[in-house]
Protein backbone atom coordinates (compact mmCIF):
# COMPACT_ATOMS: atom_id res chain seq x y z
CA MET A 1 6.56 24.59 -5.73
CA ASN A 2 8.48 24.74 -2.40
CA HIS A 3 11.13 27.11 -1.38
CA ASN A 4 14.43 25.46 -0.82
CA ASN A 5 13.26 21.97 -0.99
CA GLU A 6 10.98 22.66 2.10
CA GLN A 7 8.81 19.77 3.38
CA PRO A 8 5.04 20.10 2.88
CA ARG A 9 4.54 21.03 6.58
CA GLU A 10 7.14 23.70 6.39
CA THR A 11 5.70 25.17 3.00
CA LEU A 12 2.37 25.35 4.93
CA TRP A 13 3.39 26.80 7.83
CA ARG A 14 5.56 29.51 6.13
CA LEU A 15 2.55 30.50 4.17
CA LEU A 16 0.11 30.61 7.25
CA LYS A 17 2.38 31.72 10.26
CA ASP A 18 1.45 35.46 9.88
CA ILE A 19 -2.20 35.02 9.31
CA ARG A 20 -4.13 35.06 12.49
CA PHE A 21 -7.58 34.35 11.21
CA GLY A 22 -8.89 31.78 8.51
CA MET A 23 -12.62 31.50 7.38
CA PHE A 24 -13.54 28.09 8.66
CA THR A 25 -16.23 26.51 6.39
CA THR A 26 -18.52 23.51 7.50
CA ARG A 27 -21.52 21.89 5.78
CA HIS A 28 -24.47 22.87 8.02
CA GLN A 29 -27.00 20.22 8.66
CA ASN A 30 -29.31 22.00 6.15
CA GLY A 31 -26.65 21.10 3.52
CA HIS A 32 -25.46 24.70 3.14
CA LEU A 33 -21.85 25.59 3.65
CA HIS A 34 -21.44 27.95 6.21
CA SER A 35 -18.13 30.20 6.80
CA ARG A 36 -17.06 32.16 9.88
CA PRO A 37 -13.84 33.79 11.07
CA MET A 38 -11.72 31.53 13.33
CA THR A 39 -8.29 31.97 15.01
CA THR A 40 -5.79 29.50 14.54
CA GLN A 41 -4.21 28.58 17.66
CA ASN A 42 -1.04 26.81 16.43
CA ARG A 43 2.33 28.34 16.92
CA SER A 44 3.54 25.71 14.44
CA ILE A 45 2.50 22.76 12.44
CA GLU A 46 3.82 19.68 14.19
CA SER A 47 4.39 16.04 13.06
CA ASP A 48 0.57 15.42 13.28
CA ASP A 49 -0.04 17.91 10.41
CA SER A 50 -2.97 19.54 12.41
CA LEU A 51 -4.41 22.96 12.64
CA TRP A 52 -6.20 23.88 16.10
CA PHE A 53 -8.86 25.88 16.91
CA PHE A 54 -11.02 26.71 20.16
CA MET A 55 -14.69 26.92 19.75
CA SER A 56 -17.92 27.08 21.82
CA ARG A 57 -19.42 23.62 22.29
CA LYS A 58 -22.86 25.14 21.80
CA GLY A 59 -22.11 26.83 18.68
CA ASP A 60 -23.09 25.66 15.09
CA PRO A 61 -19.54 24.96 13.86
CA VAL A 62 -19.01 22.05 16.62
CA ALA A 63 -22.41 20.75 15.65
CA ASP A 64 -21.53 20.71 11.93
CA VAL A 65 -18.20 19.18 12.53
CA MET A 66 -19.94 16.55 14.48
CA ALA A 67 -22.35 15.84 11.65
CA ASP A 68 -19.69 16.16 8.88
CA SER A 69 -16.00 16.30 9.51
CA ARG A 70 -14.83 17.64 6.04
CA VAL A 71 -14.00 21.35 6.41
CA ASN A 72 -12.08 23.91 4.60
CA ILE A 73 -10.33 26.91 6.11
CA VAL A 74 -9.35 29.89 3.80
CA TYR A 75 -6.51 31.98 4.79
CA ALA A 76 -5.62 35.46 3.14
CA ASP A 77 -3.12 38.01 3.67
CA PRO A 78 -3.98 40.73 0.77
CA GLY A 79 -0.94 42.88 2.08
CA SER A 80 1.28 40.26 1.29
CA ASP A 81 -0.65 38.67 -1.38
CA VAL A 82 -0.60 35.12 0.17
CA TYR A 83 -3.96 33.03 0.01
CA VAL A 84 -4.11 29.80 1.10
CA SER A 85 -7.11 27.21 1.09
CA VAL A 86 -6.99 24.21 3.42
CA SER A 87 -8.78 21.09 3.34
CA GLY A 88 -9.08 18.64 6.12
CA GLU A 89 -11.01 16.42 8.52
CA ALA A 90 -12.11 17.94 11.85
CA MET A 91 -12.95 16.38 15.16
CA VAL A 92 -13.45 17.57 18.80
CA VAL A 93 -10.59 16.31 21.03
CA GLU A 94 -10.67 15.97 24.69
CA ASP A 95 -7.01 16.61 25.65
CA MET A 96 -6.47 18.98 28.51
CA ALA A 97 -2.71 18.90 27.97
CA LYS A 98 -3.21 20.30 24.52
CA LYS A 99 -5.82 22.93 25.42
CA THR A 100 -3.50 24.20 28.15
CA ALA A 101 -0.50 24.41 25.72
CA LEU A 102 -2.68 26.30 23.23
CA TRP A 103 -4.32 28.50 25.75
CA ASN A 104 -3.74 32.32 25.32
CA THR A 105 -5.05 35.71 26.34
CA PHE A 106 -6.97 36.03 23.02
CA ALA A 107 -8.95 32.95 24.03
CA ALA A 108 -9.65 34.05 27.39
CA ALA A 109 -11.72 37.02 25.64
CA TRP A 110 -14.24 34.24 24.24
CA PHE A 111 -13.97 31.85 27.02
CA PRO A 112 -14.00 33.52 30.58
CA GLY A 113 -14.01 30.34 32.44
CA GLY A 114 -10.50 29.73 31.31
CA VAL A 115 -8.98 26.60 30.03
CA ASP A 116 -11.52 24.57 32.14
CA ASP A 117 -14.61 26.58 30.88
CA PRO A 118 -17.14 23.73 30.11
CA ASP A 119 -18.26 25.43 26.77
CA LEU A 120 -14.56 25.29 25.44
CA ALA A 121 -14.10 22.69 22.55
CA LEU A 122 -10.61 21.90 21.20
CA VAL A 123 -11.16 21.22 17.36
CA GLN A 124 -8.27 19.49 15.58
CA ILE A 125 -8.07 19.78 11.82
CA LYS A 126 -6.09 16.96 10.36
CA VAL A 127 -4.64 18.68 7.12
CA ILE A 128 -5.29 16.54 3.90
CA HIS A 129 -4.58 19.10 1.21
CA ALA A 130 -4.02 22.68 0.70
CA HIS A 131 -3.73 25.07 -2.41
CA TYR A 132 -1.80 28.46 -2.25
CA TRP A 133 -1.16 31.45 -3.96
CA ASP A 134 1.79 33.44 -3.27
CA VAL A 135 2.39 36.63 -5.30
CA LYS A 136 5.87 37.73 -5.44
CA GLU A 137 5.47 40.81 -7.61
CA SER A 138 4.85 44.24 -6.31
CA LYS A 139 1.34 45.91 -6.78
CA ILE A 140 2.79 48.13 -9.59
CA VAL A 141 4.11 45.19 -11.59
CA GLN A 142 0.86 43.34 -10.92
CA LEU A 143 -1.09 46.15 -12.35
CA TYR A 144 1.24 46.67 -15.37
CA GLN A 145 1.05 42.84 -16.10
CA MET A 146 -2.87 43.13 -15.92
CA ALA A 147 -2.88 46.19 -18.08
CA LYS A 148 -0.53 44.69 -20.58
CA ALA A 149 -2.71 41.64 -20.87
CA ALA A 150 -6.02 43.53 -21.22
CA PHE A 151 -4.14 45.44 -24.16
CA THR A 152 -2.62 42.45 -25.90
CA GLY A 153 -5.35 39.90 -25.15
CA GLU A 154 -2.51 37.52 -23.78
CA PRO A 155 -2.62 36.32 -20.12
CA PRO A 156 -0.34 37.95 -17.67
CA LYS A 157 3.02 36.27 -16.98
CA SER A 158 3.27 34.46 -13.64
CA LEU A 159 3.22 36.91 -10.83
CA GLY A 160 4.33 34.66 -8.25
CA GLU A 161 3.80 30.93 -7.31
CA THR A 162 0.83 28.73 -6.92
CA GLY A 163 1.04 25.16 -5.54
CA GLU A 164 -0.50 22.05 -4.07
CA ILE A 165 0.32 20.64 -0.69
CA ARG A 166 -0.54 16.98 -0.02
CA MET A 167 -0.18 16.18 3.71
CA ARG A 168 -1.88 12.77 3.13
CA ALA A 169 -3.92 10.91 0.49
CA ASP A 170 -7.30 11.91 0.10
């Protein structure tokens, strides 16, 4: 369900814009799924439907992406009860203009050589699909609904909205 007939890109950005970190999941070369916190560099989601990350070229995430481009990023803001799971295709992109446009002081903490640091990899995630949970009810109403459900044996009423966002065909 979209707010006010939002387009998928607008809905996704509305949910993600205030969540700085996501758990970035790749399939490691040993077959296991590995997740690690990463900072989304976007200031918006543009027409390319992409999320952007800076990563170390020497790190496992870049090696994982090179071996298997399918990734998932999970975003959570428990204070606002917003949860988003994003699936997409990842690729390392050599684009100095994009690196420069996304560069910020937080990135400088990880890459002291600046935007020209040879270890700095720019990773683009082309979003395919997202699933979200956006709880609208207060914590008190949530607790009441859950207690009532436990007492009556009936599932709690909807506490917010959940939905699918498709950016392109799988």
